Amino acid sequence: MSHSPWELANVLRRALPDSLKARASKQLKARFRALLGIEPWPDLAVHYPLFRNAEYRVLREAARVFDVEKPNKPVLERGHQVSYVIAKWLRDAGVRSAFHVGFANGRYLFYLSRLGIACGGVDLPPERTAWANVPRGVLGEAVMRRLLRRDFFELTRGEFDALWEPGTAVDVLFSEATFETLLPWREGGASVPGYLAMDPGALRALMHERFPAKLSELSRSVRNMIFIEPEPEAGGAGAVFEACVARLGGFEHGVWDFRPPLDSLFRLSPRFPTRQCIYAFTTDPALLVALETYAVKR
């Protein structure tokens, strides 16, 4: 008779002495559960030379303010790893300024600013999400002044331009797993309550019509746009970004896949096989040259 992983785990848990269980670390317990197929761990974090270099180790230590402790589970590493990959890519490409759509707890902005990139961002207002709470004192005053609590679809070019020196074109506007909440790539749909409550037709229009229009409006104030979002086959993402191509005629465009093992890191969920791609709209060739270290063009 076969047993489920959960049943096997319960048997083993009862068999192990309490003294041994008390000495086992969170990491060891998590690895044990993962080996039994109970839950994926360590949340898609990967072993990669980039995450063993001195710069990353120093930044990771300084970024512990973003860690969330949970009973019997290790701190998740994925968010730190993806933040560093993108920040290093942009730094190596000579990017001096970046704007993050969906800044959440500010972890991306922390890594960007520590690598010398002037940055800011926009995220939903407090009444629409509890995700965008930046730990006190972790970001510099200049970065905090460039944070807006606005729906991206309501952000005007004037508001965007007011965050920067007059006449400045921001080097990169980017997202990572921000607009996936609006694309039906999984059962259950959007994870933001307000989007989940929208009529499917209105939700579709938001991404297929208003999103390309908003990019067109902001394109006069940015040099490059990078969106790390669901792969083209997932939730109609390909059609959305094809609609953007038609509105961004002055930009070179392309879809890039992350190289292994980063392709596993840039997944949307440990329980779904859907990966993210890079949808790039660029005017600076250096951005794509530096990207070749991490991704390959489709």
Protein backbone atom coordinates (compact mmCIF):
# COMPACT_ATOMS: atom_id res chain seq x y z
CA MET A 1 0.00 0.00 0.00
CA SER A 2 1.43 3.39 -0.99
CA HIS A 3 1.63 6.31 1.37
CA SER A 4 1.52 10.02 0.64
CA PRO A 5 4.54 12.21 1.45
CA TRP A 6 2.58 13.73 4.30
CA GLU A 7 1.89 10.29 5.82
CA LEU A 8 5.54 9.28 5.49
CA ALA A 9 6.65 12.54 7.09
CA ASN A 10 4.33 11.97 10.05
CA VAL A 11 5.69 8.47 10.53
CA LEU A 12 9.28 9.71 10.46
CA ARG A 13 8.49 12.66 12.69
CA ARG A 14 7.08 10.33 15.35
CA ALA A 15 10.07 8.01 15.02
CA LEU A 16 12.72 10.69 15.54
CA PRO A 17 13.76 11.47 19.13
CA ASP A 18 12.65 14.88 20.41
CA SER A 19 16.25 15.73 21.24
CA LEU A 20 17.29 15.24 17.59
CA LYS A 21 14.37 17.29 16.29
CA ALA A 22 15.22 20.11 18.68
CA ARG A 23 18.82 20.29 17.39
CA ALA A 24 17.87 20.23 13.69
CA SER A 25 18.06 23.63 12.01
CA LYS A 26 15.25 25.20 10.01
CA GLN A 27 17.30 24.67 6.87
CA LEU A 28 17.77 20.95 7.55
CA LYS A 29 14.08 20.45 8.31
CA ALA A 30 13.12 22.30 5.14
CA ARG A 31 15.48 20.21 3.00
CA PHE A 32 14.01 17.08 4.52
CA ARG A 33 10.48 18.17 3.66
CA ALA A 34 11.57 19.03 0.13
CA LEU A 35 13.16 15.59 -0.35
CA LEU A 36 9.85 14.02 0.65
CA GLY A 37 8.00 16.18 -1.87
CA ILE A 38 5.95 17.91 0.79
CA GLU A 39 6.86 21.41 -0.26
CA PRO A 40 9.34 23.05 -2.61
CA TRP A 41 12.36 24.62 -1.01
CA PRO A 42 14.28 26.91 -0.95
CA ASP A 43 11.65 28.84 -2.91
CA LEU A 44 13.57 28.56 -6.18
CA ALA A 45 16.83 29.97 -4.80
CA VAL A 46 19.73 28.63 -6.84
CA HIS A 47 23.41 27.82 -6.44
CA TYR A 48 25.28 30.11 -8.82
CA PRO A 49 28.76 31.70 -8.75
CA LEU A 50 27.22 35.18 -8.76
CA PHE A 51 25.76 34.57 -5.31
CA ARG A 52 29.11 33.54 -3.86
CA ASN A 53 30.99 36.72 -4.70
CA ALA A 54 32.03 39.17 -2.00
CA GLU A 55 29.81 41.99 -3.23
CA TYR A 56 26.65 39.90 -2.99
CA ARG A 57 27.56 38.54 0.45
CA VAL A 58 28.01 42.07 1.80
CA LEU A 59 24.77 43.30 0.25
CA ARG A 60 22.86 40.24 1.42
CA GLU A 61 23.98 40.82 4.99
CA ALA A 62 22.93 44.47 4.82
CA ALA A 63 19.54 43.46 3.38
CA ARG A 64 18.49 41.28 6.33
CA VAL A 65 15.93 43.91 7.26
CA PHE A 66 13.82 42.50 4.41
CA ASP A 67 13.88 38.93 5.75
CA VAL A 68 10.64 37.47 7.07
CA GLU A 69 11.04 34.86 9.79
CA LYS A 70 8.55 31.99 9.82
CA PRO A 71 8.27 29.08 12.26
CA ASN A 72 10.16 25.99 11.07
CA LYS A 73 11.08 27.57 7.74
CA PRO A 74 14.30 29.22 6.59
CA VAL A 75 14.37 32.79 5.31
CA LEU A 76 13.56 32.82 1.59
CA GLU A 77 16.47 33.74 -0.65
CA ARG A 78 14.78 34.12 -4.03
CA GLY A 79 13.88 37.78 -3.62
CA HIS A 80 17.43 38.76 -2.76
CA GLN A 81 18.89 36.75 -5.61
CA VAL A 82 16.59 38.17 -8.29
CA SER A 83 17.14 41.71 -6.98
CA TYR A 84 20.89 41.35 -7.21
CA VAL A 85 20.84 39.78 -10.69
CA ILE A 86 18.83 42.67 -12.12
CA ALA A 87 20.70 45.38 -10.22
CA LYS A 88 24.07 44.01 -11.33
CA TRP A 89 22.89 43.67 -14.94
CA LEU A 90 21.75 47.31 -14.99
CA ARG A 91 24.90 48.54 -13.24
CA ASP A 92 27.14 46.64 -15.66
CA ALA A 93 25.22 48.14 -18.60
CA GLY A 94 26.00 51.65 -17.38
CA VAL A 95 22.48 52.44 -16.13
CA ARG A 96 22.42 55.51 -13.91
CA SER A 97 18.70 55.78 -13.11
CA ALA A 98 15.87 53.27 -12.81
CA PHE A 99 12.18 53.32 -11.97
CA HIS A 100 10.54 50.20 -10.51
CA VAL A 101 6.87 49.59 -11.23
CA GLY A 102 5.64 47.65 -8.22
CA PHE A 103 8.31 48.46 -5.65
CA ALA A 104 6.62 46.41 -2.86
CA ASN A 105 8.87 46.43 0.23
CA GLY A 106 11.66 48.29 -1.57
CA ARG A 107 14.10 45.38 -1.78
CA TYR A 108 14.87 45.99 -5.47
CA LEU A 109 15.45 49.67 -4.77
CA PHE A 110 17.82 48.77 -1.95
CA TYR A 111 20.04 46.70 -4.23
CA LEU A 112 19.88 49.26 -7.04
CA SER A 113 20.80 52.16 -4.80
CA ARG A 114 23.64 50.21 -3.15
CA LEU A 115 25.07 49.62 -6.63
CA GLY A 116 25.04 53.35 -7.35
CA ILE A 117 21.83 53.64 -9.38
CA ALA A 118 19.46 56.55 -8.66
CA CYS A 119 16.03 55.01 -8.37
CA GLY A 120 12.38 55.43 -7.53
CA GLY A 121 9.14 53.61 -8.08
CA VAL A 122 5.38 53.40 -7.99
CA ASP A 123 3.06 50.96 -6.26
CA LEU A 124 -0.60 50.71 -5.37
CA PRO A 125 -1.96 52.98 -2.61
CA PRO A 126 -2.28 51.58 0.94
CA GLU A 127 -6.00 50.89 0.68
CA ARG A 128 -5.38 48.58 -2.30
CA THR A 129 -2.41 46.56 -1.08
CA ALA A 130 -0.50 45.81 2.10
CA TRP A 131 2.58 44.72 0.13
CA ALA A 132 4.15 48.14 -0.39
CA ASN A 133 5.45 48.79 3.09
CA VAL A 134 9.12 49.79 3.02
CA PRO A 135 11.07 49.12 6.26
CA ARG A 136 11.84 52.37 8.04
CA GLY A 137 15.28 53.83 7.35
CA VAL A 138 16.40 51.21 4.83
CA LEU A 139 16.30 53.48 1.77
CA GLY A 140 17.94 56.87 1.45
CA GLU A 141 15.99 60.11 1.53
CA ALA A 142 16.45 60.69 -2.20
CA VAL A 143 14.93 57.29 -3.01
CA MET A 144 12.02 57.80 -0.62
CA ARG A 145 11.18 61.11 -2.32
CA ARG A 146 10.82 59.23 -5.61
CA LEU A 147 8.28 56.69 -4.33
CA LEU A 148 4.68 57.17 -5.39
CA ARG A 149 1.65 55.31 -4.01
CA ARG A 150 -0.40 55.36 -7.19
CA ASP A 151 -1.96 52.87 -9.55
CA PHE A 152 0.48 52.62 -12.45
CA PHE A 153 -2.40 53.01 -14.88
CA GLU A 154 -3.21 56.39 -13.31
CA LEU A 155 0.39 57.62 -13.24
CA THR A 156 0.79 60.61 -15.55
CA ARG A 157 3.88 61.60 -17.44
CA GLY A 158 3.91 64.90 -15.52
CA GLU A 159 4.00 63.08 -12.17
CA PHE A 160 6.75 60.82 -13.45
CA ASP A 161 8.88 63.69 -14.77
CA ALA A 162 8.51 65.63 -11.50
CA LEU A 163 10.51 62.93 -9.69
CA TRP A 164 13.68 63.71 -11.64
CA GLU A 165 15.78 66.67 -12.68
CA PRO A 166 14.10 68.74 -15.42
CA GLY A 167 14.80 67.40 -18.89
CA THR A 168 16.09 64.06 -17.55
CA ALA A 169 15.22 60.86 -19.38
CA VAL A 170 15.26 57.91 -16.98
CA ASP A 171 17.51 55.12 -18.21
CA VAL A 172 15.24 52.16 -17.35
CA LEU A 173 11.64 51.63 -16.32
CA PHE A 174 11.15 48.03 -15.24
CA SER A 175 8.94 45.48 -13.51
CA GLU A 176 9.41 41.99 -12.08
CA ALA A 177 6.32 39.88 -11.39
CA THR A 178 4.19 43.04 -11.13
CA PHE A 179 1.77 42.65 -14.02
CA GLU A 180 1.47 38.88 -13.58
CA THR A 181 -1.31 39.74 -11.12
CA LEU A 182 -3.35 40.95 -14.11
CA LEU A 183 -2.67 37.98 -16.39
CA PRO A 184 -4.66 34.72 -16.01
CA TRP A 185 -1.65 32.39 -16.02
CA ARG A 186 -2.95 30.26 -13.13
CA GLU A 187 -6.19 29.18 -11.51
CA GLY A 188 -7.43 31.79 -9.11
CA GLY A 189 -6.32 34.69 -11.27
CA ALA A 190 -5.13 37.98 -9.82
CA SER A 191 -3.63 38.02 -6.34
CA VAL A 192 -4.54 41.68 -5.72
CA PRO A 193 -8.13 41.76 -4.38
CA GLY A 194 -9.15 44.77 -6.46
CA TYR A 195 -8.04 43.13 -9.69
CA LEU A 196 -9.58 39.79 -8.71
CA ALA A 197 -12.95 41.50 -8.33
CA MET A 198 -12.84 43.05 -11.82
CA ASP A 199 -14.95 41.80 -14.69
CA PRO A 200 -12.79 39.57 -16.95
CA GLY A 201 -13.44 41.85 -19.92
CA ALA A 202 -12.35 44.94 -18.01
CA LEU A 203 -9.28 43.13 -16.71
CA ARG A 204 -8.33 42.10 -20.22
CA ALA A 205 -8.75 45.66 -21.50
CA LEU A 206 -6.50 46.92 -18.72
CA MET A 207 -3.54 44.92 -20.03
CA HIS A 208 -4.29 44.68 -23.75
CA GLU A 209 -5.34 48.32 -24.23
CA ARG A 210 -4.50 50.61 -21.31
CA PHE A 211 -1.10 49.08 -20.60
CA PRO A 212 0.30 49.67 -24.12
CA ALA A 213 -1.19 53.16 -24.09
CA LYS A 214 0.45 53.96 -20.74
CA LEU A 215 3.83 52.76 -21.99
CA SER A 216 3.44 54.93 -25.06
CA GLU A 217 2.74 57.97 -22.87
CA LEU A 218 5.73 57.36 -20.59
CA SER A 219 8.08 56.38 -23.42
CA ARG A 220 8.93 60.03 -24.04
CA SER A 221 10.50 60.17 -20.57
CA VAL A 222 12.43 56.88 -20.49
CA ARG A 223 15.21 55.42 -22.62
CA ASN A 224 14.48 51.72 -22.06
CA MET A 225 11.66 49.57 -20.68
CA ILE A 226 12.18 46.11 -19.24
CA PHE A 227 9.36 43.84 -18.09
CA ILE A 228 10.09 40.54 -16.38
CA GLU A 229 6.69 38.91 -16.58
CA PRO A 230 5.04 35.57 -17.49
CA GLU A 231 6.39 33.82 -20.59
CA PRO A 232 4.47 34.57 -23.82
CA GLU A 233 2.42 31.35 -23.68
CA ALA A 234 1.10 32.09 -20.17
CA GLY A 235 -2.08 34.06 -19.63
CA GLY A 236 -1.92 35.90 -22.95
CA ALA A 237 1.30 37.72 -21.99
CA GLY A 238 2.69 37.38 -25.51
CA ALA A 239 -0.31 39.16 -27.02
CA VAL A 240 -0.05 41.95 -24.46
CA PHE A 241 3.55 42.74 -25.30
CA GLU A 242 2.93 42.41 -29.03
CA ALA A 243 0.37 45.17 -28.58
CA CYS A 244 3.10 47.23 -26.91
CA VAL A 245 5.40 46.73 -29.91
CA ALA A 246 2.88 48.51 -32.08
CA ARG A 247 2.87 51.52 -29.70
CA LEU A 248 6.65 51.75 -29.17
CA GLY A 249 7.98 52.13 -32.69
CA GLY A 250 11.15 53.94 -31.68
CA PHE A 251 12.38 51.08 -29.48
CA GLU A 252 14.16 47.87 -30.40
CA HIS A 253 12.11 45.02 -28.99
CA GLY A 254 12.79 41.40 -28.12
CA VAL A 255 11.89 38.57 -25.77
CA TRP A 256 14.68 36.94 -23.76
CA ASP A 257 14.80 33.70 -21.76
CA PHE A 258 16.94 33.46 -18.64
CA ARG A 259 19.83 31.04 -18.90
CA PRO A 260 19.92 28.04 -16.51
CA PRO A 261 19.89 28.00 -13.56
CA LEU A 262 18.42 31.52 -13.48
CA ASP A 263 15.43 30.28 -15.48
CA SER A 264 14.42 28.30 -12.38
CA LEU A 265 15.00 31.30 -10.15
CA PHE A 266 12.73 33.51 -12.27
CA ARG A 267 9.64 31.37 -11.88
CA LEU A 268 6.43 32.83 -10.57
CA SER A 269 5.64 30.04 -8.14
CA PRO A 270 7.34 26.92 -6.85
CA ARG A 271 4.09 25.06 -7.49
CA PHE A 272 3.61 26.08 -11.13
CA PRO A 273 6.02 25.46 -14.03
CA THR A 274 5.41 28.92 -15.53
CA ARG A 275 8.61 30.90 -15.97
CA GLN A 276 9.17 34.56 -16.56
CA CYS A 277 10.72 36.12 -19.65
CA ILE A 278 12.31 39.48 -20.25
CA TYR A 279 10.30 41.72 -22.57
CA ALA A 280 12.80 44.38 -23.61
CA PHE A 281 12.09 47.70 -25.33
CA THR A 282 15.43 49.43 -25.68
CA THR A 283 17.32 52.30 -27.27
CA ASP A 284 20.67 51.59 -25.55
CA PRO A 285 22.56 48.62 -27.09
CA ALA A 286 24.73 48.30 -23.96
CA LEU A 287 21.71 47.08 -22.02
CA LEU A 288 21.31 44.05 -24.29
CA VAL A 289 25.04 43.35 -24.46
CA ALA A 290 25.16 43.10 -20.65
CA LEU A 291 21.98 40.99 -20.66
CA GLU A 292 23.69 38.23 -22.65
CA THR A 293 25.43 37.11 -19.45
CA TYR A 294 22.07 36.16 -17.95
CA ALA A 295 19.68 35.49 -20.83
CA VAL A 296 19.38 34.47 -24.47
CA LYS A 297 17.12 36.10 -27.04
CA ARG A 298 14.30 34.02 -28.44
